[in-house]
Amino acid sequence: SMLLVAIAAPFLGAHADRSGSRRHWLIFFCLVGSVATA
């Protein structure tokens, strides 16, 4: 799980900066994490 995040983090950060989508990505990962937990 940490390997997946480490590889994706720089690219996700770059996309979030360009598109101003930090909030959208936070919502997405919250949904992914909370639903998988449930």
All heavy atoms as atom14 arrays in JSON, in Angstrom:
{
  "sequence": "SMLLVAIAAPFLGAHADRSGSRRHWLIFFCLVGSVATA",
  "atom14_mask": [
    [1, 1, 1, 1, 1, 1, 0, 0, 0, 0, 0, 0, 0, 0],
    [1, 1, 1, 1, 1, 1, 1, 1, 0, 0, 0, 0, 0, 0],
    [1, 1, 1, 1, 1, 1, 1, 1, 0, 0, 0, 0, 0, 0],
    [1, 1, 1, 1, 1, 1, 1, 1, 0, 0, 0, 0, 0, 0],
    [1, 1, 1, 1, 1, 1, 1, 0, 0, 0, 0, 0, 0, 0],
    [1, 1, 1, 1, 1, 0, 0, 0, 0, 0, 0, 0, 0, 0],
    [1, 1, 1, 1, 1, 1, 1, 1, 0, 0, 0, 0, 0, 0],
    [1, 1, 1, 1, 1, 0, 0, 0, 0, 0, 0, 0, 0, 0],
    [1, 1, 1, 1, 1, 0, 0, 0, 0, 0, 0, 0, 0, 0],
    [1, 1, 1, 1, 1, 1, 1, 0, 0, 0, 0, 0, 0, 0],
    [1, 1, 1, 1, 1, 1, 1, 1, 1, 1, 1, 0, 0, 0],
    [1, 1, 1, 1, 1, 1, 1, 1, 0, 0, 0, 0, 0, 0],
    [1, 1, 1, 1, 0, 0, 0, 0, 0, 0, 0, 0, 0, 0],
    [1, 1, 1, 1, 1, 0, 0, 0, 0, 0, 0, 0, 0, 0],
    [1, 1, 1, 1, 1, 1, 1, 1, 1, 1, 0, 0, 0, 0],
    [1, 1, 1, 1, 1, 0, 0, 0, 0, 0, 0, 0, 0, 0],
    [1, 1, 1, 1, 1, 1, 1, 1, 0, 0, 0, 0, 0, 0],
    [1, 1, 1, 1, 1, 1, 1, 1, 1, 1, 1, 0, 0, 0],
    [1, 1, 1, 1, 1, 1, 0, 0, 0, 0, 0, 0, 0, 0],
    [1, 1, 1, 1, 0, 0, 0, 0, 0, 0, 0, 0, 0, 0],
    [1, 1, 1, 1, 1, 1, 0, 0, 0, 0, 0, 0, 0, 0],
    [1, 1, 1, 1, 1, 1, 1, 1, 1, 1, 1, 0, 0, 0],
    [1, 1, 1, 1, 1, 1, 1, 1, 1, 1, 1, 0, 0, 0],
    [1, 1, 1, 1, 1, 1, 1, 1, 1, 1, 0, 0, 0, 0],
    [1, 1, 1, 1, 1, 1, 1, 1, 1, 1, 1, 1, 1, 1],
    [1, 1, 1, 1, 1, 1, 1, 1, 0, 0, 0, 0, 0, 0],
    [1, 1, 1, 1, 1, 1, 1, 1, 0, 0, 0, 0, 0, 0],
    [1, 1, 1, 1, 1, 1, 1, 1, 1, 1, 1, 0, 0, 0],
    [1, 1, 1, 1, 1, 1, 1, 1, 1, 1, 1, 0, 0, 0],
    [1, 1, 1, 1, 1, 1, 0, 0, 0, 0, 0, 0, 0, 0],
    [1, 1, 1, 1, 1, 1, 1, 1, 0, 0, 0, 0, 0, 0],
    [1, 1, 1, 1, 1, 1, 1, 0, 0, 0, 0, 0, 0, 0],
    [1, 1, 1, 1, 0, 0, 0, 0, 0, 0, 0, 0, 0, 0],
    [1, 1, 1, 1, 1, 1, 0, 0, 0, 0, 0, 0, 0, 0],
    [1, 1, 1, 1, 1, 1, 1, 0, 0, 0, 0, 0, 0, 0],
    [1, 1, 1, 1, 1, 0, 0, 0, 0, 0, 0, 0, 0, 0],
    [1, 1, 1, 1, 1, 1, 1, 0, 0, 0, 0, 0, 0, 0],
    [1, 1, 1, 1, 1, 0, 0, 0, 0, 0, 0, 0, 0, 0]
  ],
  "atom14_positions": [
    [[0.83, -1.21, 0.0], [0.0, 0.0, 0.0], [0.86, 1.26, 0.0], [0.55, 2.23, -0.7], [-0.95, 0.0, 1.2], [-0.24, 0.03, 2.43], [0.0, 0.0, 0.0], [0.0, 0.0, 0.0], [0.0, 0.0, 0.0], [0.0, 0.0, 0.0], [0.0, 0.0, 0.0], [0.0, 0.0, 0.0], [0.0, 0.0, 0.0], [0.0, 0.0, 0.0]],
    [[1.96, 1.25, 0.75], [2.85, 2.41, 0.78], [3.6, 2.58, -0.54], [3.84, 3.71, -0.98], [3.86, 2.26, 1.93], [3.25, 2.42, 3.31], [2.59, 4.1, 3.6], [0.86, 3.85, 3.2], [0.0, 0.0, 0.0], [0.0, 0.0, 0.0], [0.0, 0.0, 0.0], [0.0, 0.0, 0.0], [0.0, 0.0, 0.0], [0.0, 0.0, 0.0]],
    [[3.94, 1.46, -1.18], [4.61, 1.54, -2.48], [3.7, 2.2, -3.51], [4.14, 3.05, -4.29], [5.0, 0.13, -2.94], [5.65, 0.03, -4.34], [6.97, 0.78, -4.38], [5.86, -1.44, -4.72], [0.0, 0.0, 0.0], [0.0, 0.0, 0.0], [0.0, 0.0, 0.0], [0.0, 0.0, 0.0], [0.0, 0.0, 0.0], [0.0, 0.0, 0.0]],
    [[2.43, 1.82, -3.52], [1.48, 2.41, -4.47], [1.36, 3.92, -4.27], [1.35, 4.69, -5.23], [0.1, 1.74, -4.29], [0.02, 0.26, -4.67], [-1.36, -0.29, -4.3], [0.29, 0.06, -6.15], [0.0, 0.0, 0.0], [0.0, 0.0, 0.0], [0.0, 0.0, 0.0], [0.0, 0.0, 0.0], [0.0, 0.0, 0.0], [0.0, 0.0, 0.0]],
    [[1.29, 4.34, -3.01], [1.16, 5.77, -2.73], [2.43, 6.52, -3.08], [2.39, 7.61, -3.65], [0.78, 5.99, -1.24], [0.79, 7.48, -0.9], [-0.59, 5.4, -0.95], [0.0, 0.0, 0.0], [0.0, 0.0, 0.0], [0.0, 0.0, 0.0], [0.0, 0.0, 0.0], [0.0, 0.0, 0.0], [0.0, 0.0, 0.0], [0.0, 0.0, 0.0]],
    [[3.59, 5.94, -2.73], [4.88, 6.6, -3.01], [5.08, 6.83, -4.5], [5.56, 7.88, -4.93], [6.02, 5.77, -2.44], [0.0, 0.0, 0.0], [0.0, 0.0, 0.0], [0.0, 0.0, 0.0], [0.0, 0.0, 0.0], [0.0, 0.0, 0.0], [0.0, 0.0, 0.0], [0.0, 0.0, 0.0], [0.0, 0.0, 0.0], [0.0, 0.0, 0.0]],
    [[4.7, 5.85, -5.32], [4.86, 5.98, -6.77], [3.9, 7.03, -7.33], [4.26, 7.83, -8.2], [4.65, 4.62, -7.45], [5.79, 3.67, -7.1], [4.55, 4.78, -8.97], [5.57, 2.25, -7.58], [0.0, 0.0, 0.0], [0.0, 0.0, 0.0], [0.0, 0.0, 0.0], [0.0, 0.0, 0.0], [0.0, 0.0, 0.0], [0.0, 0.0, 0.0]],
    [[2.67, 7.02, -6.82], [1.64, 7.91, -7.38], [1.72, 9.34, -6.88], [1.29, 10.26, -7.58], [0.26, 7.33, -7.07], [0.0, 0.0, 0.0], [0.0, 0.0, 0.0], [0.0, 0.0, 0.0], [0.0, 0.0, 0.0], [0.0, 0.0, 0.0], [0.0, 0.0, 0.0], [0.0, 0.0, 0.0], [0.0, 0.0, 0.0], [0.0, 0.0, 0.0]],
    [[2.28, 9.55, -5.68], [2.21, 10.86, -5.03], [2.75, 12.02, -5.88], [2.07, 13.05, -6.0], [2.94, 10.82, -3.68], [0.0, 0.0, 0.0], [0.0, 0.0, 0.0], [0.0, 0.0, 0.0], [0.0, 0.0, 0.0], [0.0, 0.0, 0.0], [0.0, 0.0, 0.0], [0.0, 0.0, 0.0], [0.0, 0.0, 0.0], [0.0, 0.0, 0.0]],
    [[3.95, 11.93, -6.46], [4.43, 13.08, -7.24], [3.52, 13.43, -8.43], [3.31, 14.6, -8.73], [5.82, 12.63, -7.72], [6.22, 11.55, -6.77], [4.94, 10.86, -6.41], [0.0, 0.0, 0.0], [0.0, 0.0, 0.0], [0.0, 0.0, 0.0], [0.0, 0.0, 0.0], [0.0, 0.0, 0.0], [0.0, 0.0, 0.0], [0.0, 0.0, 0.0]],
    [[2.99, 12.42, -9.09], [2.13, 12.66, -10.25], [0.79, 13.23, -9.83], [0.24, 14.12, -10.48], [1.95, 11.37, -11.04], [3.24, 10.79, -11.55], [3.8, 9.68, -10.97], [3.92, 11.4, -12.6], [5.0, 9.16, -11.42], [5.13, 10.88, -13.07], [5.67, 9.77, -12.48], [0.0, 0.0, 0.0], [0.0, 0.0, 0.0], [0.0, 0.0, 0.0]],
    [[0.24, 12.7, -8.72], [-1.02, 13.23, -8.21], [-0.86, 14.68, -7.78], [-1.73, 15.52, -8.03], [-1.5, 12.39, -7.03], [-1.96, 10.97, -7.35], [-2.25, 10.2, -6.06], [-3.2, 10.99, -8.23], [0.0, 0.0, 0.0], [0.0, 0.0, 0.0], [0.0, 0.0, 0.0], [0.0, 0.0, 0.0], [0.0, 0.0, 0.0], [0.0, 0.0, 0.0]],
    [[0.28, 14.98, -7.12], [0.53, 16.35, -6.7], [0.65, 17.29, -7.87], [0.11, 18.41, -7.85], [0.0, 0.0, 0.0], [0.0, 0.0, 0.0], [0.0, 0.0, 0.0], [0.0, 0.0, 0.0], [0.0, 0.0, 0.0], [0.0, 0.0, 0.0], [0.0, 0.0, 0.0], [0.0, 0.0, 0.0], [0.0, 0.0, 0.0], [0.0, 0.0, 0.0]],
    [[1.33, 16.85, -8.93], [1.49, 17.68, -10.12], [0.14, 17.96, -10.77], [-0.17, 19.09, -11.16], [2.42, 16.99, -11.11], [0.0, 0.0, 0.0], [0.0, 0.0, 0.0], [0.0, 0.0, 0.0], [0.0, 0.0, 0.0], [0.0, 0.0, 0.0], [0.0, 0.0, 0.0], [0.0, 0.0, 0.0], [0.0, 0.0, 0.0], [0.0, 0.0, 0.0]],
    [[-0.69, 16.94, -10.88], [-2.01, 17.12, -11.48], [-2.88, 18.04, -10.63], [-3.61, 18.89, -11.16], [-2.69, 15.77, -11.66], [-4.06, 15.85, -12.25], [-5.2, 15.93, -11.47], [-4.49, 15.91, -13.54], [-6.26, 16.02, -12.25], [-5.85, 16.0, -13.51], [0.0, 0.0, 0.0], [0.0, 0.0, 0.0], [0.0, 0.0, 0.0], [0.0, 0.0, 0.0]],
    [[-2.82, 17.86, -9.3], [-3.63, 18.69, -8.41], [-3.23, 20.15, -8.51], [-4.08, 21.05, -8.46], [-3.49, 18.19, -6.98], [0.0, 0.0, 0.0], [0.0, 0.0, 0.0], [0.0, 0.0, 0.0], [0.0, 0.0, 0.0], [0.0, 0.0, 0.0], [0.0, 0.0, 0.0], [0.0, 0.0, 0.0], [0.0, 0.0, 0.0], [0.0, 0.0, 0.0]],
    [[-1.93, 20.42, -8.66], [-1.47, 21.8, -8.82], [-1.97, 22.42, -10.11], [-2.44, 23.56, -10.14], [0.07, 21.86, -8.8], [0.62, 21.79, -7.38], [-0.11, 22.17, -6.45], [1.75, 21.35, -7.21], [0.0, 0.0, 0.0], [0.0, 0.0, 0.0], [0.0, 0.0, 0.0], [0.0, 0.0, 0.0], [0.0, 0.0, 0.0], [0.0, 0.0, 0.0]],
    [[-1.85, 21.67, -11.21], [-2.25, 22.21, -12.51], [-3.74, 22.47, -12.6], [-4.18, 23.46, -13.18], [-1.82, 21.25, -13.62], [-0.33, 21.2, -13.9], [-0.05, 20.5, -15.22], [-0.58, 19.14, -15.24], [0.11, 18.07, -14.88], [1.36, 18.21, -14.47], [-0.42, 16.87, -14.92], [0.0, 0.0, 0.0], [0.0, 0.0, 0.0], [0.0, 0.0, 0.0]],
    [[-4.52, 21.57, -12.02], [-5.98, 21.66, -12.18], [-6.69, 22.26, -10.97], [-7.91, 22.46, -11.02], [-6.54, 20.25, -12.43], [-6.22, 19.38, -11.35], [0.0, 0.0, 0.0], [0.0, 0.0, 0.0], [0.0, 0.0, 0.0], [0.0, 0.0, 0.0], [0.0, 0.0, 0.0], [0.0, 0.0, 0.0], [0.0, 0.0, 0.0], [0.0, 0.0, 0.0]],
    [[-5.94, 22.57, -9.9], [-6.57, 23.11, -8.71], [-7.57, 22.14, -8.09], [-8.67, 22.54, -7.67], [0.0, 0.0, 0.0], [0.0, 0.0, 0.0], [0.0, 0.0, 0.0], [0.0, 0.0, 0.0], [0.0, 0.0, 0.0], [0.0, 0.0, 0.0], [0.0, 0.0, 0.0], [0.0, 0.0, 0.0], [0.0, 0.0, 0.0], [0.0, 0.0, 0.0]],
    [[-7.2, 20.87, -8.04], [-8.17, 19.83, -7.65], [-7.78, 19.12, -6.36], [-8.08, 17.93, -6.2], [-8.31, 18.81, -8.78], [-7.05, 18.26, -9.13], [0.0, 0.0, 0.0], [0.0, 0.0, 0.0], [0.0, 0.0, 0.0], [0.0, 0.0, 0.0], [0.0, 0.0, 0.0], [0.0, 0.0, 0.0], [0.0, 0.0, 0.0], [0.0, 0.0, 0.0]],
    [[-7.1, 19.81, -5.45], [-6.73, 19.16, -4.18], [-7.95, 18.63, -3.45], [-7.96, 17.51, -2.94], [-6.0, 20.15, -3.28], [-4.6, 20.52, -3.75], [-4.02, 21.61, -2.86], [-2.71, 22.01, -3.3], [-2.49, 22.85, -4.31], [-3.51, 23.37, -4.96], [-1.26, 23.18, -4.66], [0.0, 0.0, 0.0], [0.0, 0.0, 0.0], [0.0, 0.0, 0.0]],
    [[-8.98, 19.45, -3.38], [-10.2, 19.06, -2.68], [-10.84, 17.83, -3.34], [-11.3, 16.92, -2.65], [-11.17, 20.23, -2.65], [-12.53, 19.93, -2.05], [-13.35, 21.21, -1.94], [-14.75, 20.91, -1.71], [-15.64, 20.7, -2.68], [-15.24, 20.74, -3.95], [-16.89, 20.44, -2.39], [0.0, 0.0, 0.0], [0.0, 0.0, 0.0], [0.0, 0.0, 0.0]],
    [[-10.87, 17.83, -4.67], [-11.47, 16.7, -5.37], [-10.7, 15.4, -5.12], [-11.29, 14.33, -4.92], [-11.53, 16.99, -6.88], [-12.47, 18.11, -7.21], [-12.25, 18.97, -8.26], [-13.62, 18.51, -6.62], [-13.23, 19.86, -8.3], [-14.06, 19.59, -7.33], [0.0, 0.0, 0.0], [0.0, 0.0, 0.0], [0.0, 0.0, 0.0], [0.0, 0.0, 0.0]],
    [[-9.37, 15.49, -5.12], [-8.58, 14.29, -4.86], [-8.75, 13.82, -3.41], [-8.77, 12.63, -3.13], [-7.1, 14.56, -5.16], [-6.75, 14.45, -6.6], [-6.38, 15.45, -7.44], [-6.77, 13.25, -7.4], [-6.15, 14.96, -8.71], [-6.38, 13.62, -8.72], [-7.06, 11.92, -7.14], [-6.28, 12.69, -9.75], [-6.96, 11.0, -8.16], [-6.58, 11.39, -9.45]],
    [[-8.86, 14.77, -2.48], [-9.08, 14.4, -1.09], [-10.41, 13.66, -0.94], [-10.5, 12.63, -0.26], [-9.07, 15.64, -0.2], [-9.38, 15.4, 1.29], [-8.37, 14.43, 1.9], [-9.38, 16.71, 2.06], [0.0, 0.0, 0.0], [0.0, 0.0, 0.0], [0.0, 0.0, 0.0], [0.0, 0.0, 0.0], [0.0, 0.0, 0.0], [0.0, 0.0, 0.0]],
    [[-11.46, 14.17, -1.59], [-12.77, 13.51, -1.55], [-12.66, 12.1, -2.14], [-13.19, 11.14, -1.58], [-13.82, 14.34, -2.31], [-14.08, 15.66, -1.58], [-15.12, 13.56, -2.48], [-14.97, 16.63, -2.35], [0.0, 0.0, 0.0], [0.0, 0.0, 0.0], [0.0, 0.0, 0.0], [0.0, 0.0, 0.0], [0.0, 0.0, 0.0], [0.0, 0.0, 0.0]],
    [[-11.98, 12.0, -3.28], [-11.84, 10.7, -3.95], [-11.16, 9.68, -3.04], [-11.66, 8.56, -2.85], [-11.05, 10.86, -5.25], [-10.7, 9.56, -5.91], [-11.64, 8.84, -6.61], [-9.4, 9.05, -5.83], [-11.32, 7.62, -7.23], [-9.07, 7.85, -6.43], [-10.03, 7.13, -7.13], [0.0, 0.0, 0.0], [0.0, 0.0, 0.0], [0.0, 0.0, 0.0]],
    [[-10.03, 10.05, -2.45], [-9.3, 9.09, -1.63], [-10.01, 8.8, -0.31], [-9.9, 7.69, 0.23], [-7.87, 9.57, -1.39], [-6.97, 9.38, -2.58], [-6.43, 10.46, -3.25], [-6.69, 8.11, -3.05], [-5.62, 10.28, -4.36], [-5.89, 7.91, -4.15], [-5.35, 9.01, -4.81], [0.0, 0.0, 0.0], [0.0, 0.0, 0.0], [0.0, 0.0, 0.0]],
    [[-10.73, 9.78, 0.19], [-11.56, 9.53, 1.38], [-12.63, 8.49, 1.07], [-12.86, 7.56, 1.86], [-12.19, 10.83, 1.87], [-13.39, 10.6, 3.19], [0.0, 0.0, 0.0], [0.0, 0.0, 0.0], [0.0, 0.0, 0.0], [0.0, 0.0, 0.0], [0.0, 0.0, 0.0], [0.0, 0.0, 0.0], [0.0, 0.0, 0.0], [0.0, 0.0, 0.0]],
    [[-13.29, 8.64, -0.08], [-14.32, 7.68, -0.48], [-13.72, 6.28, -0.67], [-14.27, 5.28, -0.2], [-15.01, 8.14, -1.76], [-15.98, 9.32, -1.63], [-16.42, 9.8, -3.0], [-17.19, 8.92, -0.79], [0.0, 0.0, 0.0], [0.0, 0.0, 0.0], [0.0, 0.0, 0.0], [0.0, 0.0, 0.0], [0.0, 0.0, 0.0], [0.0, 0.0, 0.0]],
    [[-12.58, 6.21, -1.37], [-11.92, 4.93, -1.6], [-11.57, 4.27, -0.26], [-11.87, 3.09, -0.02], [-10.65, 5.12, -2.45], [-9.8, 3.84, -2.44], [-11.02, 5.47, -3.89], [0.0, 0.0, 0.0], [0.0, 0.0, 0.0], [0.0, 0.0, 0.0], [0.0, 0.0, 0.0], [0.0, 0.0, 0.0], [0.0, 0.0, 0.0], [0.0, 0.0, 0.0]],
    [[-10.93, 5.04, 0.62], [-10.49, 4.49, 1.9], [-11.63, 4.09, 2.81], [-11.63, 3.0, 3.39], [0.0, 0.0, 0.0], [0.0, 0.0, 0.0], [0.0, 0.0, 0.0], [0.0, 0.0, 0.0], [0.0, 0.0, 0.0], [0.0, 0.0, 0.0], [0.0, 0.0, 0.0], [0.0, 0.0, 0.0], [0.0, 0.0, 0.0], [0.0, 0.0, 0.0]],
    [[-12.62, 4.96, 2.95], [-13.72, 4.69, 3.88], [-14.61, 3.55, 3.39], [-15.05, 2.71, 4.19], [-14.56, 5.96, 4.1], [-15.13, 6.43, 2.9], [0.0, 0.0, 0.0], [0.0, 0.0, 0.0], [0.0, 0.0, 0.0], [0.0, 0.0, 0.0], [0.0, 0.0, 0.0], [0.0, 0.0, 0.0], [0.0, 0.0, 0.0], [0.0, 0.0, 0.0]],
    [[-14.86, 3.49, 2.07], [-15.69, 2.4, 1.53], [-14.97, 1.05, 1.67], [-15.57, 0.05, 2.08], [-16.07, 2.68, 0.06], [-16.72, 1.45, -0.57], [-17.02, 3.87, -0.02], [0.0, 0.0, 0.0], [0.0, 0.0, 0.0], [0.0, 0.0, 0.0], [0.0, 0.0, 0.0], [0.0, 0.0, 0.0], [0.0, 0.0, 0.0], [0.0, 0.0, 0.0]],
    [[-13.67, 1.01, 1.35], [-12.91, -0.23, 1.51], [-12.88, -0.66, 2.97], [-12.96, -1.86, 3.28], [-11.49, -0.05, 0.97], [0.0, 0.0, 0.0], [0.0, 0.0, 0.0], [0.0, 0.0, 0.0], [0.0, 0.0, 0.0], [0.0, 0.0, 0.0], [0.0, 0.0, 0.0], [0.0, 0.0, 0.0], [0.0, 0.0, 0.0], [0.0, 0.0, 0.0]],
    [[-12.77, 0.31, 3.88], [-12.8, 0.01, 5.32], [-14.14, -0.62, 5.71], [-14.19, -1.63, 6.41], [-12.56, 1.29, 6.14], [-11.26, 1.81, 5.83], [-12.64, 1.0, 7.63], [0.0, 0.0, 0.0], [0.0, 0.0, 0.0], [0.0, 0.0, 0.0], [0.0, 0.0, 0.0], [0.0, 0.0, 0.0], [0.0, 0.0, 0.0], [0.0, 0.0, 0.0]],
    [[-15.23, -0.01, 5.26], [-16.56, -0.53, 5.58], [-16.77, -1.92, 5.0], [-17.4, -2.79, 5.63], [-17.64, 0.43, 5.06], [0.0, 0.0, 0.0], [0.0, 0.0, 0.0], [0.0, 0.0, 0.0], [0.0, 0.0, 0.0], [0.0, 0.0, 0.0], [0.0, 0.0, 0.0], [0.0, 0.0, 0.0], [0.0, 0.0, 0.0], [0.0, 0.0, 0.0]]
  ]
}
